[in-house]
Amino acid sequence: MIAAFEGNECRGIWTPAAIMGGDADIVLQVFGKDADIPGATRIELRYYCASQQGYYVSAPISYSSYQTLGSIGNPYMPVWK
């Protein structure tokens, strides 16, 4: 499971179904109101790995309304702390 957080507030979540061959393209929508996101906000991704029973947290990502990070052909790769 991967989720996007602004502080302690969850703004989006992705849960895998079946992943064939070990690779997956993840499309994650991050939600908020324009009043909550005046210019840019800092989002962090949190990844839960069931096999290791642990969490991984990304470096903060600056994000603003209607922004797209990456694409299927050129995916965004977060930096994990």
Protein backbone atom coordinates (compact mmCIF):
# COMPACT_ATOMS: atom_id res chain seq x y z
CA MET A 1 0.00 0.00 0.00
CA ILE A 2 1.21 3.52 -0.83
CA ALA A 3 -0.44 6.63 0.59
CA ALA A 4 0.19 10.36 0.16
CA PHE A 5 0.20 12.50 3.30
CA GLU A 6 0.26 16.21 4.06
CA GLY A 7 1.42 16.19 7.66
CA ASN A 8 -0.70 13.51 9.33
CA GLU A 9 -3.63 13.89 6.91
CA CYS A 10 -4.01 11.22 4.24
CA ARG A 11 -4.59 12.86 0.82
CA GLY A 12 -4.56 9.76 -1.42
CA ILE A 13 -4.09 6.00 -1.26
CA TRP A 14 -3.16 3.20 -3.65
CA THR A 15 -3.65 -0.49 -2.86
CA PRO A 16 -2.37 -3.06 -5.34
CA ALA A 17 -4.53 -5.80 -6.75
CA ALA A 18 -2.31 -8.38 -8.49
CA ILE A 19 1.10 -7.43 -9.85
CA MET A 20 2.28 -9.66 -12.67
CA GLY A 21 6.03 -10.19 -12.95
CA GLY A 22 6.81 -7.99 -9.94
CA ASP A 23 6.45 -4.62 -11.72
CA ALA A 24 3.62 -2.12 -11.37
CA ASP A 25 2.80 1.31 -12.71
CA ILE A 26 1.11 3.23 -9.91
CA VAL A 27 -1.36 6.01 -10.56
CA LEU A 28 -2.05 7.89 -7.33
CA GLN A 29 -4.34 10.88 -7.11
CA VAL A 30 -3.71 13.35 -4.30
CA PHE A 31 -6.75 15.24 -3.08
CA GLY A 32 -7.19 18.58 -1.31
CA LYS A 33 -9.08 21.84 -1.52
CA ASP A 34 -7.50 24.86 -3.20
CA ALA A 35 -7.79 26.69 0.12
CA ASP A 36 -5.66 23.94 1.67
CA ILE A 37 -3.06 24.22 -1.07
CA PRO A 38 -2.46 27.94 -1.71
CA GLY A 39 0.65 27.58 -3.85
CA ALA A 40 2.54 24.45 -3.11
CA THR A 41 2.45 21.99 -0.27
CA ARG A 42 4.75 19.25 0.83
CA ILE A 43 3.50 15.72 0.37
CA GLU A 44 5.27 12.61 1.55
CA LEU A 45 4.58 9.09 0.36
CA ARG A 46 4.34 6.28 2.87
CA TYR A 47 4.79 2.70 1.68
CA TYR A 48 3.84 -0.30 3.79
CA CYS A 49 5.71 -3.51 2.97
CA ALA A 50 3.72 -6.47 4.32
CA SER A 51 6.54 -8.98 3.84
CA GLN A 52 8.88 -6.88 6.03
CA GLN A 53 6.06 -5.55 8.24
CA GLY A 54 7.50 -2.06 8.01
CA TYR A 55 6.95 1.40 6.59
CA TYR A 56 9.09 3.43 4.23
CA VAL A 57 8.69 7.22 3.94
CA SER A 58 9.69 9.34 0.94
CA ALA A 59 11.58 12.59 1.04
CA PRO A 60 9.08 15.50 0.96
CA ILE A 61 7.67 16.30 -2.48
CA SER A 62 6.62 19.87 -3.35
CA TYR A 63 3.21 19.66 -4.96
CA SER A 64 0.60 22.12 -6.22
CA SER A 65 -2.94 21.79 -7.59
CA TYR A 66 -3.33 19.94 -10.90
CA GLN A 67 0.35 19.02 -11.01
CA THR A 68 1.39 15.76 -12.66
CA LEU A 69 4.53 13.96 -11.58
CA GLY A 70 5.74 11.48 -14.17
CA SER A 71 3.82 9.39 -16.68
CA ILE A 72 3.52 5.76 -17.67
CA GLY A 73 6.37 6.23 -20.17
CA ASN A 74 8.50 8.32 -17.79
CA PRO A 75 7.51 7.42 -14.20
CA TYR A 76 8.26 9.58 -11.20
CA MET A 77 10.63 7.77 -8.85
CA PRO A 78 10.40 8.97 -5.24
CA VAL A 79 13.47 9.15 -3.02
CA TRP A 80 12.91 6.95 0.02
CA LYS A 81 14.43 7.92 3.39
